């Protein structure tokens, strides 16, 4: 059986950005013009997908809360409409039960800490709504800290929020967090965290990618890192091919990330090379890696096992 666990896509909130295109009268989770659609999922595959509510930097306070509420309701509505093939999962047991029933498993996440509106009780609110991972920032600053386009580290509220997330079981996600904020998180975090869609900066120099010393520390802490398919984050030249993805895999493995590495496609949120621009093509990554000498067990870990183990243990 082919297996896949993808830590990040922007498919759920794509209807908020009309310029990206929509098929009228189709839900965002099953629109054939998108990278990812439920009807495109290969029959018989075991697939776990994290669906992010992307909260843009332009929204703050109640506007951010309302945006989240609208799209979280859309997620639940579409889960119910497609209950014969997908299940929303909040616990590790939910994941196993969904896959054993032959369904795709879906985890609700958020990209952008503005969803908390600077209020600690909002961590409980998003947890109650089903959120199990929160990307602390997008590109700019918010109440928790600063994204990679801005200076500044994790705020005092950001440190409080991380502690509350750890208490409730919402995974902290450092993708988009700037380097200073990452260092602050290392001091604050007591539990393993994730970089849901970030690559290796020593292979592609974009500041969104992780420097080697951060990767080593994430390995030491048994964190999780999802490979991003974005052309800009895979190659300094903007190629973003399977060969470029392989180069990142090799570097992560050199840094000891065999049990930490996963996939974080960033589907429907970025420009992706034709090698990787559909769910069917994602499933070819395993054979591509093993054909180039990556051991089958390591490739299986990247495709599914590492992320499945991480979320089973933390949900």
C-alpha atoms as a PDB file:
ATOM      1  CA  UNK A   1       0.000   0.000   0.000  1.00  0.00           C
ATOM      2  CA  UNK A   2       1.256   3.488  -0.866  1.00  0.00           C
ATOM      3  CA  UNK A   3       1.416   5.777   2.164  1.00  0.00           C
ATOM      4  CA  UNK A   4       1.760   9.530   2.549  1.00  0.00           C
ATOM      5  CA  UNK A   5       1.698  12.002   5.459  1.00  0.00           C
ATOM      6  CA  UNK A   6       1.792  15.672   4.396  1.00  0.00           C
ATOM      7  CA  UNK A   7       2.322  18.279   7.120  1.00  0.00           C
ATOM      8  CA  UNK A   8       1.114  21.380   5.284  1.00  0.00           C
ATOM      9  CA  UNK A   9      -1.152  22.596   2.498  1.00  0.00           C
ATOM     10  CA  UNK A  10      -3.131  25.815   1.936  1.00  0.00           C
ATOM     11  CA  UNK A  11      -5.994  24.134   0.103  1.00  0.00           C
ATOM     12  CA  UNK A  12      -8.636  24.799   2.752  1.00  0.00           C
ATOM     13  CA  UNK A  13      -8.420  28.605   2.611  1.00  0.00           C
ATOM     14  CA  UNK A  14      -7.774  28.948  -1.089  1.00  0.00           C
ATOM     15  CA  UNK A  15     -11.295  30.292  -1.602  1.00  0.00           C
ATOM     16  CA  UNK A  16     -10.200  33.450   0.253  1.00  0.00           C
ATOM     17  CA  UNK A  17      -7.907  34.351  -2.651  1.00  0.00           C
ATOM     18  CA  UNK A  18      -9.987  34.519  -5.870  1.00  0.00           C
ATOM     19  CA  UNK A  19      -6.972  35.370  -8.011  1.00  0.00           C
ATOM     20  CA  UNK A  20      -5.698  31.837  -7.469  1.00  0.00           C
ATOM     21  CA  UNK A  21      -8.747  30.413  -9.261  1.00  0.00           C
ATOM     22  CA  UNK A  22     -11.775  28.413  -8.182  1.00  0.00           C
ATOM     23  CA  UNK A  23     -14.242  26.025  -9.705  1.00  0.00           C
ATOM     24  CA  UNK A  24     -17.736  27.388  -8.959  1.00  0.00           C
ATOM     25  CA  UNK A  25     -19.850  25.280  -6.605  1.00  0.00           C
ATOM     26  CA  UNK A  26     -16.979  23.046  -5.519  1.00  0.00           C
ATOM     27  CA  UNK A  27     -15.680  22.870  -1.969  1.00  0.00           C
ATOM     28  CA  UNK A  28     -12.061  23.849  -1.489  1.00  0.00           C
ATOM     29  CA  UNK A  29     -11.078  20.317  -0.476  1.00  0.00           C
ATOM     30  CA  UNK A  30     -12.299  18.782  -3.717  1.00  0.00           C
ATOM     31  CA  UNK A  31     -11.683  21.346  -6.428  1.00  0.00           C
ATOM     32  CA  UNK A  32      -9.952  19.681  -9.409  1.00  0.00           C
ATOM     33  CA  UNK A  33      -8.034  22.853 -10.349  1.00  0.00           C
ATOM     34  CA  UNK A  34      -6.102  22.727  -7.062  1.00  0.00           C
ATOM     35  CA  UNK A  35      -2.908  20.785  -6.406  1.00  0.00           C
ATOM     36  CA  UNK A  36      -4.755  18.719  -3.823  1.00  0.00           C
ATOM     37  CA  UNK A  37      -8.323  17.439  -4.063  1.00  0.00           C
ATOM     38  CA  UNK A  38     -10.046  14.529  -2.358  1.00  0.00           C
ATOM     39  CA  UNK A  39     -11.160  13.107  -5.694  1.00  0.00           C
ATOM     40  CA  UNK A  40      -7.512  13.086  -6.848  1.00  0.00           C
ATOM     41  CA  UNK A  41      -6.368  10.945  -3.924  1.00  0.00           C
ATOM     42  CA  UNK A  42      -5.158   7.598  -5.321  1.00  0.00           C
ATOM     43  CA  UNK A  43      -7.555   4.769  -4.402  1.00  0.00           C
ATOM     44  CA  UNK A  44      -6.130   2.439  -1.789  1.00  0.00           C
ATOM     45  CA  UNK A  45      -3.478   4.863  -0.563  1.00  0.00           C
ATOM     46  CA  UNK A  46      -3.063   5.569   3.141  1.00  0.00           C
ATOM     47  CA  UNK A  47      -2.939   9.369   3.268  1.00  0.00           C
ATOM     48  CA  UNK A  48      -2.826  11.781   6.208  1.00  0.00           C
ATOM     49  CA  UNK A  49      -3.136  15.471   5.310  1.00  0.00           C
ATOM     50  CA  UNK A  50      -2.696  18.518   7.532  1.00  0.00           C
ATOM     51  CA  UNK A  51      -5.055  21.251   6.297  1.00  0.00           C
ATOM     52  CA  UNK A  52      -4.002  24.739   7.400  1.00  0.00           C
ATOM     53  CA  UNK A  53      -6.220  27.728   7.985  1.00  0.00           C
ATOM     54  CA  UNK A  54      -3.823  30.350   6.615  1.00  0.00           C
ATOM     55  CA  UNK A  55      -4.383  33.603   8.523  1.00  0.00           C
ATOM     56  CA  UNK A  56      -2.751  36.405   6.472  1.00  0.00           C
ATOM     57  CA  UNK A  57      -0.631  39.094   8.092  1.00  0.00           C
ATOM     58  CA  UNK A  58      -3.229  41.720   7.162  1.00  0.00           C
ATOM     59  CA  UNK A  59      -5.676  40.317   9.735  1.00  0.00           C
ATOM     60  CA  UNK A  60      -5.433  41.024  13.452  1.00  0.00           C
ATOM     61  CA  UNK A  61      -7.675  40.848  16.496  1.00  0.00           C
ATOM     62  CA  UNK A  62     -11.303  39.902  15.932  1.00  0.00           C
ATOM     63  CA  UNK A  63     -10.826  39.920  12.158  1.00  0.00           C
ATOM     64  CA  UNK A  64      -8.312  37.082  12.497  1.00  0.00           C
ATOM     65  CA  UNK A  65     -10.601  35.206  14.875  1.00  0.00           C
ATOM     66  CA  UNK A  66     -13.574  35.565  12.515  1.00  0.00           C
ATOM     67  CA  UNK A  67     -11.467  34.417   9.556  1.00  0.00           C
ATOM     68  CA  UNK A  68     -10.417  31.304  11.447  1.00  0.00           C
ATOM     69  CA  UNK A  69     -13.937  30.547  12.631  1.00  0.00           C
ATOM     70  CA  UNK A  70     -15.296  30.771   9.093  1.00  0.00           C
ATOM     71  CA  UNK A  71     -12.719  28.387   7.646  1.00  0.00           C
ATOM     72  CA  UNK A  72     -12.735  25.981  10.587  1.00  0.00           C
ATOM     73  CA  UNK A  73     -16.514  25.684  10.048  1.00  0.00           C
ATOM     74  CA  UNK A  74     -15.881  25.085   6.346  1.00  0.00           C
ATOM     75  CA  UNK A  75     -13.425  22.305   7.236  1.00  0.00           C
ATOM     76  CA  UNK A  76     -15.946  20.580   9.479  1.00  0.00           C
ATOM     77  CA  UNK A  77     -18.712  20.998   6.911  1.00  0.00           C
ATOM     78  CA  UNK A  78     -16.581  19.506   4.137  1.00  0.00           C
ATOM     79  CA  UNK A  79     -15.493  16.640   6.407  1.00  0.00           C
ATOM     80  CA  UNK A  80     -19.153  15.786   6.931  1.00  0.00           C
ATOM     81  CA  UNK A  81     -19.983  16.150   3.228  1.00  0.00           C
ATOM     82  CA  UNK A  82     -17.159  13.753   2.347  1.00  0.00           C
ATOM     83  CA  UNK A  83     -17.409  11.432   5.364  1.00  0.00           C
ATOM     84  CA  UNK A  84     -17.415   8.340   3.155  1.00  0.00           C
ATOM     85  CA  UNK A  85     -13.774   8.986   2.189  1.00  0.00           C
ATOM     86  CA  UNK A  86     -12.164  11.290   4.780  1.00  0.00           C
ATOM     87  CA  UNK A  87     -12.231  11.701   8.557  1.00  0.00           C
ATOM     88  CA  UNK A  88     -11.187  14.670  10.686  1.00  0.00           C
ATOM     89  CA  UNK A  89      -8.733  13.447  13.316  1.00  0.00           C
ATOM     90  CA  UNK A  90      -8.023  14.941  16.739  1.00  0.00           C
ATOM     91  CA  UNK A  91      -6.250  12.030  18.454  1.00  0.00           C
ATOM     92  CA  UNK A  92      -3.723   9.375  17.564  1.00  0.00           C
ATOM     93  CA  UNK A  93      -6.470   6.772  17.792  1.00  0.00           C
ATOM     94  CA  UNK A  94      -8.518   8.773  15.261  1.00  0.00           C
ATOM     95  CA  UNK A  95      -5.643   8.552  12.779  1.00  0.00           C
ATOM     96  CA  UNK A  96      -5.390   4.783  13.079  1.00  0.00           C
ATOM     97  CA  UNK A  97      -9.148   4.278  12.897  1.00  0.00           C
ATOM     98  CA  UNK A  98      -9.505   6.441   9.796  1.00  0.00           C
ATOM     99  CA  UNK A  99      -6.796   4.579   7.909  1.00  0.00           C
ATOM    100  CA  UNK A 100      -8.048   1.168   9.053  1.00  0.00           C
ATOM    101  CA  UNK A 101     -11.474   2.116   7.688  1.00  0.00           C
ATOM    102  CA  UNK A 102      -9.905   2.892   4.305  1.00  0.00           C
ATOM    103  CA  UNK A 103     -10.425   6.650   4.646  1.00  0.00           C
ATOM    104  CA  UNK A 104      -8.054   9.558   4.275  1.00  0.00           C
ATOM    105  CA  UNK A 105      -7.166  11.206   7.573  1.00  0.00           C
ATOM    106  CA  UNK A 106      -7.311  14.985   7.972  1.00  0.00           C
ATOM    107  CA  UNK A 107      -5.750  17.138  10.717  1.00  0.00           C
ATOM    108  CA  UNK A 108      -6.771  20.779  11.122  1.00  0.00           C
ATOM    109  CA  UNK A 109      -3.870  23.211  11.625  1.00  0.00           C
ATOM    110  CA  UNK A 110      -3.352  26.979  11.545  1.00  0.00           C
ATOM    111  CA  UNK A 111      -0.675  29.035   9.786  1.00  0.00           C
ATOM    112  CA  UNK A 112      -0.360  32.351  11.620  1.00  0.00           C
ATOM    113  CA  UNK A 113      -0.402  33.038  15.352  1.00  0.00           C
ATOM    114  CA  UNK A 114      -2.656  36.074  14.830  1.00  0.00           C
ATOM    115  CA  UNK A 115      -5.455  33.521  15.241  1.00  0.00           C
ATOM    116  CA  UNK A 116      -4.928  33.878  19.012  1.00  0.00           C
ATOM    117  CA  UNK A 117      -5.582  37.643  18.889  1.00  0.00           C
ATOM    118  CA  UNK A 118      -3.110  38.094  21.742  1.00  0.00           C
ATOM    119  CA  UNK A 119      -5.338  36.193  24.192  1.00  0.00           C
ATOM    120  CA  UNK A 120      -4.071  33.058  25.943  1.00  0.00           C
ATOM    121  CA  UNK A 121      -7.550  31.561  26.241  1.00  0.00           C
ATOM    122  CA  UNK A 122      -7.641  31.405  22.445  1.00  0.00           C
ATOM    123  CA  UNK A 123      -5.251  28.420  22.570  1.00  0.00           C
ATOM    124  CA  UNK A 124      -8.017  26.434  24.252  1.00  0.00           C
ATOM    125  CA  UNK A 125     -10.514  27.757  21.707  1.00  0.00           C
ATOM    126  CA  UNK A 126      -8.572  26.586  18.674  1.00  0.00           C
ATOM    127  CA  UNK A 127      -7.807  23.268  20.365  1.00  0.00           C
ATOM    128  CA  UNK A 128     -11.534  22.773  20.978  1.00  0.00           C
ATOM    129  CA  UNK A 129     -12.099  23.514  17.274  1.00  0.00           C
ATOM    130  CA  UNK A 130      -9.778  20.620  16.400  1.00  0.00           C
ATOM    131  CA  UNK A 131      -6.490  22.411  15.709  1.00  0.00           C
ATOM    132  CA  UNK A 132      -3.478  20.252  16.499  1.00  0.00           C
ATOM    133  CA  UNK A 133      -0.593  22.328  15.083  1.00  0.00           C
ATOM    134  CA  UNK A 134      -0.036  26.100  14.942  1.00  0.00           C
ATOM    135  CA  UNK A 135       2.562  27.836  12.759  1.00  0.00           C
ATOM    136  CA  UNK A 136       3.568  30.655  15.109  1.00  0.00           C
ATOM    137  CA  UNK A 137       4.046  33.338  12.440  1.00  0.00           C
ATOM    138  CA  UNK A 138       3.718  33.938   8.756  1.00  0.00           C
ATOM    139  CA  UNK A 139       6.174  36.343   7.093  1.00  0.00           C
ATOM    140  CA  UNK A 140       5.557  39.385   9.295  1.00  0.00           C
ATOM    141  CA  UNK A 141       5.193  40.054  13.028  1.00  0.00           C
ATOM    142  CA  UNK A 142       2.214  39.164  15.181  1.00  0.00           C
ATOM    143  CA  UNK A 143       1.505  38.952  18.905  1.00  0.00           C
ATOM    144  CA  UNK A 144       3.651  35.799  19.277  1.00  0.00           C
ATOM    145  CA  UNK A 145       6.774  36.837  17.395  1.00  0.00           C
ATOM    146  CA  UNK A 146       8.331  37.835  14.072  1.00  0.00           C
ATOM    147  CA  UNK A 147       8.344  36.035  10.750  1.00  0.00           C
ATOM    148  CA  UNK A 148      11.339  35.665   8.486  1.00  0.00           C
ATOM    149  CA  UNK A 149      10.739  39.030   6.761  1.00  0.00           C
ATOM    150  CA  UNK A 150      11.042  41.012  10.005  1.00  0.00           C
ATOM    151  CA  UNK A 151      13.409  41.379  12.988  1.00  0.00           C
ATOM    152  CA  UNK A 152      12.507  40.596  16.572  1.00  0.00           C
ATOM    153  CA  UNK A 153      12.182  37.354  18.453  1.00  0.00           C
ATOM    154  CA  UNK A 154       9.475  35.512  20.338  1.00  0.00           C
ATOM    155  CA  UNK A 155       7.424  37.852  22.528  1.00  0.00           C
ATOM    156  CA  UNK A 156       6.544  37.296  26.184  1.00  0.00           C
ATOM    157  CA  UNK A 157       3.042  36.374  25.020  1.00  0.00           C
ATOM    158  CA  UNK A 158       4.573  34.011  22.465  1.00  0.00           C
ATOM    159  CA  UNK A 159       6.418  32.153  25.227  1.00  0.00           C
ATOM    160  CA  UNK A 160       3.227  31.915  27.272  1.00  0.00           C
ATOM    161  CA  UNK A 161       1.322  30.660  24.253  1.00  0.00           C
ATOM    162  CA  UNK A 162       3.902  27.949  23.513  1.00  0.00           C
ATOM    163  CA  UNK A 163       3.649  26.690  27.103  1.00  0.00           C
ATOM    164  CA  UNK A 164      -0.149  26.572  26.846  1.00  0.00           C
ATOM    165  CA  UNK A 165       0.044  24.816  23.477  1.00  0.00           C
ATOM    166  CA  UNK A 166       2.314  22.183  24.969  1.00  0.00           C
ATOM    167  CA  UNK A 167      -0.092  21.707  27.889  1.00  0.00           C
ATOM    168  CA  UNK A 168      -3.084  21.173  25.593  1.00  0.00           C
ATOM    169  CA  UNK A 169      -1.395  19.207  22.814  1.00  0.00           C
ATOM    170  CA  UNK A 170      -1.142  21.775  20.005  1.00  0.00           C
ATOM    171  CA  UNK A 171       2.208  21.308  18.253  1.00  0.00           C
ATOM    172  CA  UNK A 172       4.275  24.485  17.836  1.00  0.00           C
ATOM    173  CA  UNK A 173       5.385  24.949  14.223  1.00  0.00           C
ATOM    174  CA  UNK A 174       8.478  27.098  13.514  1.00  0.00           C
ATOM    175  CA  UNK A 175       8.189  27.332   9.732  1.00  0.00           C
ATOM    176  CA  UNK A 176       8.222  31.080   8.835  1.00  0.00           C
ATOM    177  CA  UNK A 177       9.676  32.013  12.260  1.00  0.00           C
ATOM    178  CA  UNK A 178      12.879  34.059  11.946  1.00  0.00           C
ATOM    179  CA  UNK A 179      16.206  32.865  13.366  1.00  0.00           C
ATOM    180  CA  UNK A 180      16.024  34.930  16.531  1.00  0.00           C
ATOM    181  CA  UNK A 181      12.526  33.666  17.214  1.00  0.00           C
ATOM    182  CA  UNK A 182      13.703  30.088  16.671  1.00  0.00           C
ATOM    183  CA  UNK A 183      16.450  30.574  19.242  1.00  0.00           C
ATOM    184  CA  UNK A 184      13.911  32.003  21.683  1.00  0.00           C
ATOM    185  CA  UNK A 185      11.660  29.015  21.086  1.00  0.00           C
ATOM    186  CA  UNK A 186      14.516  26.660  21.941  1.00  0.00           C
ATOM    187  CA  UNK A 187      14.699  28.312  25.342  1.00  0.00           C
ATOM    188  CA  UNK A 188      10.934  28.165  25.849  1.00  0.00           C
ATOM    189  CA  UNK A 189       9.972  24.759  24.432  1.00  0.00           C
ATOM    190  CA  UNK A 190       9.863  21.743  26.723  1.00  0.00           C
ATOM    191  CA  UNK A 191       8.416  19.326  24.177  1.00  0.00           C
ATOM    192  CA  UNK A 192       9.271  18.409  20.563  1.00  0.00           C
ATOM    193  CA  UNK A 193       8.001  20.848  17.942  1.00  0.00           C
ATOM    194  CA  UNK A 194       7.774  20.899  14.137  1.00  0.00           C
ATOM    195  CA  UNK A 195       8.878  22.802  11.065  1.00  0.00           C
ATOM    196  CA  UNK A 196       5.952  21.774   8.901  1.00  0.00           C
ATOM    197  CA  UNK A 197       7.281  23.061   5.569  1.00  0.00           C
ATOM    198  CA  UNK A 198      10.954  24.080   5.644  1.00  0.00           C
ATOM    199  CA  UNK A 199      14.072  22.865   3.836  1.00  0.00           C
ATOM    200  CA  UNK A 200      17.840  22.976   4.444  1.00  0.00           C
ATOM    201  CA  UNK A 201      19.456  26.415   4.127  1.00  0.00           C
ATOM    202  CA  UNK A 202      22.859  24.876   3.361  1.00  0.00           C
ATOM    203  CA  UNK A 203      21.332  23.461   0.134  1.00  0.00           C
ATOM    204  CA  UNK A 204      19.111  26.435  -0.783  1.00  0.00           C
ATOM    205  CA  UNK A 205      19.978  29.732   0.888  1.00  0.00           C
ATOM    206  CA  UNK A 206      16.470  31.155   1.308  1.00  0.00           C
ATOM    207  CA  UNK A 207      16.029  32.460   4.865  1.00  0.00           C
ATOM    208  CA  UNK A 208      12.792  30.454   5.151  1.00  0.00           C
ATOM    209  CA  UNK A 209      14.957  27.330   5.273  1.00  0.00           C
ATOM    210  CA  UNK A 210      16.621  25.912   8.380  1.00  0.00           C
ATOM    211  CA  UNK A 211      20.345  26.398   9.044  1.00  0.00           C
ATOM    212  CA  UNK A 212      22.322  23.266   9.902  1.00  0.00           C
ATOM    213  CA  UNK A 213      22.646  24.114  13.601  1.00  0.00           C
ATOM    214  CA  UNK A 214      18.863  24.386  13.937  1.00  0.00           C
ATOM    215  CA  UNK A 215      18.390  21.056  12.175  1.00  0.00           C
ATOM    216  CA  UNK A 216      20.863  19.369  14.500  1.00  0.00           C
ATOM    217  CA  UNK A 217      19.021  20.746  17.517  1.00  0.00           C
ATOM    218  CA  UNK A 218      15.682  19.572  16.148  1.00  0.00           C
ATOM    219  CA  UNK A 219      17.161  16.113  15.650  1.00  0.00           C
ATOM    220  CA  UNK A 220      18.406  16.131  19.247  1.00  0.00           C
ATOM    221  CA  UNK A 221      14.933  17.081  20.493  1.00  0.00           C
ATOM    222  CA  UNK A 222      13.152  14.502  18.297  1.00  0.00           C
ATOM    223  CA  UNK A 223      11.240  17.167  16.382  1.00  0.00           C
ATOM    224  CA  UNK A 224       9.631  16.869  12.947  1.00  0.00           C
ATOM    225  CA  UNK A 225      10.631  18.595   9.685  1.00  0.00           C
ATOM    226  CA  UNK A 226       8.500  18.613   6.524  1.00  0.00           C
ATOM    227  CA  UNK A 227      10.165  19.041   3.124  1.00  0.00           C
ATOM    228  CA  UNK A 228       8.631  21.990   1.245  1.00  0.00           C
ATOM    229  CA  UNK A 229       8.034  21.560  -2.519  1.00  0.00           C
ATOM    230  CA  UNK A 230       8.307  25.289  -3.293  1.00  0.00           C
ATOM    231  CA  UNK A 231      10.697  26.062  -6.145  1.00  0.00           C
ATOM    232  CA  UNK A 232      12.106  28.989  -4.144  1.00  0.00           C
ATOM    233  CA  UNK A 233      12.928  26.837  -1.121  1.00  0.00           C
ATOM    234  CA  UNK A 234      14.302  23.832  -3.016  1.00  0.00           C
ATOM    235  CA  UNK A 235      16.767  25.550  -5.359  1.00  0.00           C
ATOM    236  CA  UNK A 236      18.640  28.847  -5.467  1.00  0.00           C
ATOM    237  CA  UNK A 237      17.991  28.774  -9.215  1.00  0.00           C
ATOM    238  CA  UNK A 238      14.257  28.240  -8.748  1.00  0.00           C
ATOM    239  CA  UNK A 239      14.086  24.771 -10.298  1.00  0.00           C
ATOM    240  CA  UNK A 240      12.422  22.793  -7.514  1.00  0.00           C
ATOM    241  CA  UNK A 241      12.634  19.407  -9.243  1.00  0.00           C
ATOM    242  CA  UNK A 242      12.712  15.935  -7.704  1.00  0.00           C
ATOM    243  CA  UNK A 243      16.496  16.062  -7.978  1.00  0.00           C
ATOM    244  CA  UNK A 244      16.509  19.216  -5.874  1.00  0.00           C
ATOM    245  CA  UNK A 245      14.279  17.558  -3.282  1.00  0.00           C
ATOM    246  CA  UNK A 246      16.718  14.632  -3.198  1.00  0.00           C
ATOM    247  CA  UNK A 247      19.611  17.008  -2.482  1.00  0.00           C
ATOM    248  CA  UNK A 248      17.775  18.307   0.571  1.00  0.00           C
ATOM    249  CA  UNK A 249      16.981  14.773   1.734  1.00  0.00           C
ATOM    250  CA  UNK A 250      20.663  13.884   1.526  1.00  0.00           C
ATOM    251  CA  UNK A 251      21.669  16.925   3.570  1.00  0.00           C
ATOM    252  CA  UNK A 252      19.064  16.253   6.252  1.00  0.00           C
ATOM    253  CA  UNK A 253      20.255  12.659   6.505  1.00  0.00           C
ATOM    254  CA  UNK A 254      23.866  13.823   6.811  1.00  0.00           C
ATOM    255  CA  UNK A 255      22.704  15.902   9.783  1.00  0.00           C
ATOM    256  CA  UNK A 256      21.103  12.885  11.455  1.00  0.00           C
ATOM    257  CA  UNK A 257      17.451  13.592  10.607  1.00  0.00           C
ATOM    258  CA  UNK A 258      16.576  10.052   9.533  1.00  0.00           C
ATOM    259  CA  UNK A 259      13.747   9.785  12.093  1.00  0.00           C
ATOM    260  CA  UNK A 260      12.718  13.459  11.936  1.00  0.00           C
ATOM    261  CA  UNK A 261      12.221  14.047   8.226  1.00  0.00           C
ATOM    262  CA  UNK A 262       8.772  14.107   6.630  1.00  0.00           C
ATOM    263  CA  UNK A 263       6.914  15.886   3.810  1.00  0.00           C
ATOM    264  CA  UNK A 264       5.304  19.342   3.919  1.00  0.00           C
ATOM    265  CA  UNK A 265       4.260  20.005   0.348  1.00  0.00           C
ATOM    266  CA  UNK A 266       2.823  23.528   0.721  1.00  0.00           C
ATOM    267  CA  UNK A 267       0.273  22.493  -1.911  1.00  0.00           C
ATOM    268  CA  UNK A 268      -1.993  25.305  -3.105  1.00  0.00           C
ATOM    269  CA  UNK A 269       0.190  27.900  -1.430  1.00  0.00           C
ATOM    270  CA  UNK A 270       3.274  28.137  -3.626  1.00  0.00           C
ATOM    271  CA  UNK A 271       4.808  27.611  -7.071  1.00  0.00           C
ATOM    272  CA  UNK A 272       5.659  23.920  -7.523  1.00  0.00           C
ATOM    273  CA  UNK A 273       7.684  22.170 -10.244  1.00  0.00           C
ATOM    274  CA  UNK A 274       5.753  19.760 -12.534  1.00  0.00           C
ATOM    275  CA  UNK A 275       7.707  16.897 -10.942  1.00  0.00           C
ATOM    276  CA  UNK A 276       5.746  17.406  -7.715  1.00  0.00           C
ATOM    277  CA  UNK A 277       2.578  19.335  -8.489  1.00  0.00           C
ATOM    278  CA  UNK A 278      -0.061  16.684  -7.716  1.00  0.00           C
ATOM    279  CA  UNK A 279      -0.844  14.117  -5.065  1.00  0.00           C
ATOM    280  CA  UNK A 280      -0.125  11.323  -7.528  1.00  0.00           C
ATOM    281  CA  UNK A 281       3.364  12.697  -8.122  1.00  0.00           C
ATOM    282  CA  UNK A 282       4.009  12.964  -4.380  1.00  0.00           C
ATOM    283  CA  UNK A 283       3.624   9.220  -4.142  1.00  0.00           C
ATOM    284  CA  UNK A 284       6.499   8.739  -6.631  1.00  0.00           C
ATOM    285  CA  UNK A 285       8.965  10.314  -4.180  1.00  0.00           C
ATOM    286  CA  UNK A 286       9.546   7.034  -2.350  1.00  0.00           C
ATOM    287  CA  UNK A 287      10.673   5.129  -5.441  1.00  0.00           C
ATOM    288  CA  UNK A 288      12.702   8.113  -6.616  1.00  0.00           C
ATOM    289  CA  UNK A 289      14.617   8.084  -3.340  1.00  0.00           C
ATOM    290  CA  UNK A 290      15.162   4.330  -3.192  1.00  0.00           C
ATOM    291  CA  UNK A 291      16.322   4.276  -6.833  1.00  0.00           C
ATOM    292  CA  UNK A 292      19.070   6.692  -5.751  1.00  0.00           C
ATOM    293  CA  UNK A 293      20.205   4.520  -2.899  1.00  0.00           C
ATOM    294  CA  UNK A 294      18.137   5.769   0.046  1.00  0.00           C
ATOM    295  CA  UNK A 295      17.258   2.679   2.127  1.00  0.00           C
ATOM    296  CA  UNK A 296      13.626   1.629   1.862  1.00  0.00           C
ATOM    297  CA  UNK A 297      13.054   2.024   5.610  1.00  0.00           C
ATOM    298  CA  UNK A 298      14.386   5.585   5.537  1.00  0.00           C
ATOM    299  CA  UNK A 299      12.225   6.448   2.525  1.00  0.00           C
ATOM    300  CA  UNK A 300       9.174   4.988   4.279  1.00  0.00           C
ATOM    301  CA  UNK A 301       9.982   7.143   7.297  1.00  0.00           C
ATOM    302  CA  UNK A 302      10.057  10.289   5.173  1.00  0.00           C
ATOM    303  CA  UNK A 303       6.879   9.412   3.338  1.00  0.00           C
ATOM    304  CA  UNK A 304       4.790   8.405   6.345  1.00  0.00           C
ATOM    305  CA  UNK A 305       6.262   6.676   9.383  1.00  0.00           C
ATOM    306  CA  UNK A 306       8.093   9.572  11.035  1.00  0.00           C
ATOM    307  CA  UNK A 307       5.131  11.956  10.955  1.00  0.00           C
ATOM    308  CA  UNK A 308       2.673   9.228  11.922  1.00  0.00           C
ATOM    309  CA  UNK A 309       4.771   8.271  14.944  1.00  0.00           C
ATOM    310  CA  UNK A 310       5.230  11.927  15.966  1.00  0.00           C
ATOM    311  CA  UNK A 311       1.502  12.715  15.877  1.00  0.00           C
ATOM    312  CA  UNK A 312       0.461   9.410  17.426  1.00  0.00           C
ATOM    313  CA  UNK A 313       2.704  10.211  20.394  1.00  0.00           C
ATOM    314  CA  UNK A 314       1.621  13.844  20.734  1.00  0.00           C
ATOM    315  CA  UNK A 315      -2.115  13.689  20.097  1.00  0.00           C
END
